[in-house]
Amino acid sequence: LCITGDWGEGDYATGGAHTLIDMRTAGSRYWCNDSYAQADFRQRMMAKYGSMDALNTAWGTAFAVPGDIAFPSSPAQKRHWLDFNWWYQQSLVRFADDLYQQVKPMFSKTHMGLKPGGAAPPPLYFGQDTIGFARTFRERNVRFQPASCDSRYFWAKWRASAYRFYHIPFSSEAGGAYAWEEDMGWLFNDIACGMDELYEFPVHLEKYKDSILAASEHMT
């Protein structure tokens, strides 16, 4: 299941996939200023708080009617900011879930996979909720294929703990053009955290064949 990220990952456009399409104008930023996103944000915040008084009390704002509800402008707005980022991330999780519900009946006998992304830690504007994806796809036998955490064991373990808790089988992949000879730490981390399948790019299989074969004894 390819979602919305630059390489079909579980994040918003980050302006990185220049090898696929010219995305130099798609910088790293929040992607939600359209009228549909604003309306959804207002609706869900009203559903959460139930009234304008409760919402304004929680946020320290003075919005008069639901149509006035706006996105926060700064992390200093605390609860307003937290609610916004939670909504932003969950919007992407809900989209992935909707996509799964549409596709699964047509491929009922096909093993399905999902790329939830792999930044460690992901910036908030990526909209990438690793735990949310795992919770939503629990017990569906959908294999996750996140990019490696670049030898950052804490984040690899944090992610893998959610996969284990929610019974998510997961593969791993080296993010981008990676030199096997330079650092094998990311592979050790992911194996130690429960990764049971490795995805590699064809160009890597050819270029680093000897190194991959040498490492394969640790993958069985």
Protein backbone atom coordinates (compact mmCIF):
# COMPACT_ATOMS: atom_id res chain seq x y z
CA LEU A 1 0.00 0.00 0.00
CA CYS A 2 1.64 3.23 -1.12
CA ILE A 3 0.33 6.14 0.89
CA THR A 4 1.32 9.77 0.29
CA GLY A 5 5.02 10.10 1.09
CA ASP A 6 7.70 10.70 -1.50
CA TRP A 7 8.35 6.96 -1.90
CA GLY A 8 4.86 5.78 -0.97
CA GLU A 9 5.63 6.08 2.73
CA GLY A 10 3.38 7.00 5.63
CA ASP A 11 4.13 10.69 5.69
CA TYR A 12 3.27 13.80 3.75
CA ALA A 13 5.39 15.12 0.87
CA THR A 14 8.85 16.06 2.14
CA GLY A 15 10.46 17.16 -1.11
CA GLY A 16 12.95 14.31 -1.20
CA ALA A 17 12.01 12.10 -4.15
CA HIS A 18 13.78 14.11 -6.84
CA THR A 19 14.73 10.91 -8.64
CA LEU A 20 11.04 10.21 -9.36
CA ILE A 21 9.54 13.65 -9.95
CA ASP A 22 10.67 17.25 -9.63
CA MET A 23 9.69 18.06 -6.05
CA ARG A 24 12.03 20.96 -5.39
CA THR A 25 9.07 23.20 -4.60
CA ALA A 26 7.63 20.62 -2.16
CA GLY A 27 9.74 21.50 0.85
CA SER A 28 9.35 20.14 4.35
CA ARG A 29 6.28 21.79 5.79
CA TYR A 30 2.76 21.10 6.98
CA TRP A 31 0.36 20.14 4.19
CA CYS A 32 -3.11 21.00 5.43
CA ASN A 33 -4.11 24.55 4.57
CA ASP A 34 -6.84 23.62 2.10
CA SER A 35 -10.51 24.16 2.91
CA TYR A 36 -11.23 20.43 3.26
CA ALA A 37 -8.50 19.94 5.85
CA GLN A 38 -9.59 23.01 7.81
CA ALA A 39 -13.21 21.82 7.85
CA ASP A 40 -12.16 18.35 9.02
CA PHE A 41 -10.00 19.84 11.78
CA ARG A 42 -12.89 21.96 13.04
CA GLN A 43 -15.30 19.05 12.95
CA ARG A 44 -13.00 16.70 14.83
CA MET A 45 -12.04 19.27 17.44
CA MET A 46 -15.70 20.00 18.11
CA ALA A 47 -16.34 16.26 18.41
CA LYS A 48 -13.50 16.03 20.91
CA TYR A 49 -14.45 18.96 23.13
CA GLY A 50 -18.20 19.07 22.60
CA SER A 51 -18.60 22.82 22.93
CA MET A 52 -16.84 26.09 22.13
CA ASP A 53 -16.48 26.85 25.83
CA ALA A 54 -14.64 23.58 26.51
CA LEU A 55 -12.42 24.04 23.46
CA ASN A 56 -11.51 27.63 24.33
CA THR A 57 -10.80 26.69 27.94
CA ALA A 58 -8.43 23.90 26.86
CA TRP A 59 -6.64 26.01 24.27
CA GLY A 60 -6.72 29.43 25.93
CA THR A 61 -8.44 30.87 22.86
CA ALA A 62 -11.56 32.95 22.27
CA PHE A 63 -13.11 31.50 19.13
CA ALA A 64 -16.77 32.50 18.89
CA VAL A 65 -18.17 29.82 16.57
CA PRO A 66 -16.86 26.55 15.06
CA GLY A 67 -16.15 28.30 11.78
CA ASP A 68 -13.58 30.49 13.56
CA ILE A 69 -11.47 27.54 14.75
CA ALA A 70 -8.01 27.86 13.23
CA PHE A 71 -4.72 26.01 13.26
CA PRO A 72 -2.16 27.07 15.89
CA SER A 73 0.76 29.21 14.82
CA SER A 74 3.32 28.16 17.43
CA PRO A 75 4.25 25.28 19.77
CA ALA A 76 3.84 27.84 22.56
CA GLN A 77 0.10 27.30 22.19
CA LYS A 78 0.62 23.96 23.92
CA ARG A 79 -2.69 22.01 23.98
CA HIS A 80 -3.83 23.67 20.75
CA TRP A 81 -0.53 22.62 19.16
CA LEU A 82 -0.72 19.06 20.51
CA ASP A 83 -4.29 18.62 19.29
CA PHE A 84 -3.34 19.94 15.87
CA ASN A 85 -0.39 17.57 15.43
CA TRP A 86 -2.40 14.63 16.72
CA TRP A 87 -5.12 15.41 14.16
CA TYR A 88 -2.50 15.88 11.43
CA GLN A 89 -0.93 12.48 12.11
CA GLN A 90 -4.20 10.62 12.57
CA SER A 91 -5.53 12.01 9.29
CA LEU A 92 -2.79 10.07 7.53
CA VAL A 93 -3.44 6.92 9.56
CA ARG A 94 -7.15 7.14 8.72
CA PHE A 95 -6.31 7.59 5.05
CA ALA A 96 -4.12 4.47 5.09
CA ASP A 97 -6.91 2.55 6.80
CA ASP A 98 -9.45 3.73 4.20
CA LEU A 99 -7.05 2.71 1.43
CA TYR A 100 -6.68 -0.74 2.96
CA GLN A 101 -10.46 -1.17 3.22
CA GLN A 102 -10.83 -0.30 -0.46
CA VAL A 103 -8.00 -2.49 -1.73
CA LYS A 104 -8.25 -5.59 0.44
CA PRO A 105 -11.47 -7.02 -1.12
CA MET A 106 -9.84 -6.90 -4.54
CA PHE A 107 -6.69 -8.66 -3.32
CA SER A 108 -8.10 -10.91 -0.62
CA LYS A 109 -5.56 -13.68 -1.27
CA THR A 110 -2.57 -11.38 -1.64
CA HIS A 111 -0.06 -10.67 1.11
CA MET A 112 -0.09 -6.94 1.68
CA GLY A 113 2.61 -4.58 2.88
CA LEU A 114 2.79 -0.99 4.02
CA LYS A 115 5.65 1.50 4.17
CA PRO A 116 5.14 3.56 7.35
CA GLY A 117 8.31 5.60 6.87
CA GLY A 118 11.47 5.48 8.91
CA ALA A 119 12.81 8.84 10.04
CA ALA A 120 14.27 8.64 13.54
CA PRO A 121 12.67 10.52 15.11
CA PRO A 122 10.26 11.79 12.44
CA PRO A 123 9.75 15.57 12.44
CA LEU A 124 6.20 16.54 13.36
CA TYR A 125 5.49 17.97 9.93
CA PHE A 126 6.09 14.54 8.40
CA GLY A 127 2.78 13.52 9.98
CA GLN A 128 4.25 10.08 10.58
CA ASP A 129 2.67 8.20 13.50
CA THR A 130 4.56 4.93 13.80
CA ILE A 131 2.51 3.70 16.75
CA GLY A 132 -0.76 4.78 15.13
CA PHE A 133 -0.06 2.74 12.01
CA ALA A 134 0.79 -0.33 14.09
CA ARG A 135 -2.32 0.03 16.26
CA THR A 136 -4.61 0.46 13.25
CA PHE A 137 -3.20 -2.47 11.27
CA ARG A 138 -2.89 -4.88 14.20
CA GLU A 139 -3.76 -8.51 13.47
CA ARG A 140 -4.39 -7.86 9.77
CA ASN A 141 -1.23 -9.69 8.70
CA VAL A 142 -0.01 -6.60 6.84
CA ARG A 143 3.79 -6.61 6.71
CA PHE A 144 5.44 -3.28 7.52
CA GLN A 145 8.54 -2.17 5.63
CA PRO A 146 10.00 0.89 7.37
CA ALA A 147 13.32 2.41 6.39
CA SER A 148 16.13 1.82 8.84
CA CYS A 149 16.70 4.16 11.79
CA ASP A 150 20.32 4.76 10.75
CA SER A 151 21.96 2.97 13.69
CA ARG A 152 19.85 4.82 16.28
CA TYR A 153 19.00 1.92 18.53
CA PHE A 154 16.52 3.74 20.79
CA TRP A 155 14.27 4.66 17.88
CA ALA A 156 14.63 1.24 16.25
CA LYS A 157 13.60 -0.41 19.52
CA TRP A 158 10.76 2.08 20.12
CA ARG A 159 9.31 1.29 16.71
CA ALA A 160 9.87 -2.46 16.95
CA SER A 161 8.22 -2.59 20.40
CA ALA A 162 4.99 -1.30 18.86
CA TYR A 163 5.23 -3.84 16.04
CA ARG A 164 5.72 -6.65 18.52
CA PHE A 165 2.91 -5.48 20.80
CA TYR A 166 0.45 -5.23 17.91
CA HIS A 167 1.70 -8.39 16.14
CA ILE A 168 3.02 -6.60 13.06
CA PRO A 169 5.52 -8.59 10.95
CA PHE A 170 8.15 -6.23 9.61
CA SER A 171 10.89 -6.03 7.06
CA SER A 172 13.51 -3.32 6.88
CA GLU A 173 15.31 -1.46 4.18
CA ALA A 174 18.35 0.75 4.00
CA GLY A 175 17.14 4.30 3.51
CA GLY A 176 18.42 5.75 0.27
CA ALA A 177 21.85 5.14 -1.27
CA TYR A 178 23.64 3.30 1.52
CA ALA A 179 27.18 1.95 1.60
CA TRP A 180 27.20 -1.47 3.26
CA GLU A 181 30.92 -1.35 4.01
CA GLU A 182 30.69 1.91 5.96
CA ASP A 183 28.24 1.02 8.70
CA MET A 184 26.38 -2.18 9.45
CA GLY A 185 24.91 -0.80 12.67
CA TRP A 186 21.46 -0.19 11.22
CA LEU A 187 21.18 -3.80 10.10
CA PHE A 188 22.28 -5.13 13.50
CA ASN A 189 19.77 -2.84 15.21
CA ASP A 190 16.86 -3.99 13.08
CA ILE A 191 17.73 -7.69 13.41
CA ALA A 192 18.08 -7.31 17.18
CA CYS A 193 14.68 -5.61 17.27
CA GLY A 194 12.85 -8.41 15.49
CA MET A 195 13.16 -7.66 11.78
CA ASP A 196 12.76 -10.95 9.91
CA GLU A 197 13.01 -9.86 6.29
CA LEU A 198 15.31 -7.48 4.44
CA TYR A 199 14.34 -5.51 1.37
CA GLU A 200 17.18 -4.22 -0.77
CA PHE A 201 17.39 -2.14 -3.89
CA PRO A 202 18.61 -4.00 -7.00
CA VAL A 203 21.54 -1.60 -7.40
CA HIS A 204 22.70 -2.48 -3.87
CA LEU A 205 22.40 -6.20 -4.51
CA GLU A 206 24.83 -5.84 -7.37
CA LYS A 207 27.19 -3.27 -5.87
CA TYR A 208 27.45 -4.77 -2.36
CA LYS A 209 26.89 -8.44 -3.16
CA ASP A 210 29.88 -9.72 -1.16
CA SER A 211 29.03 -7.64 1.93
CA ILE A 212 25.38 -8.71 1.82
CA LEU A 213 26.34 -12.38 1.53
CA ALA A 214 28.70 -12.01 4.47
CA ALA A 215 25.94 -10.43 6.56
CA SER A 216 23.31 -12.97 5.50
CA GLU A 217 24.51 -15.51 8.07
CA HIS A 218 23.10 -13.20 10.76
CA MET A 219 19.68 -13.09 9.11
CA THR A 220 18.74 -16.76 9.28
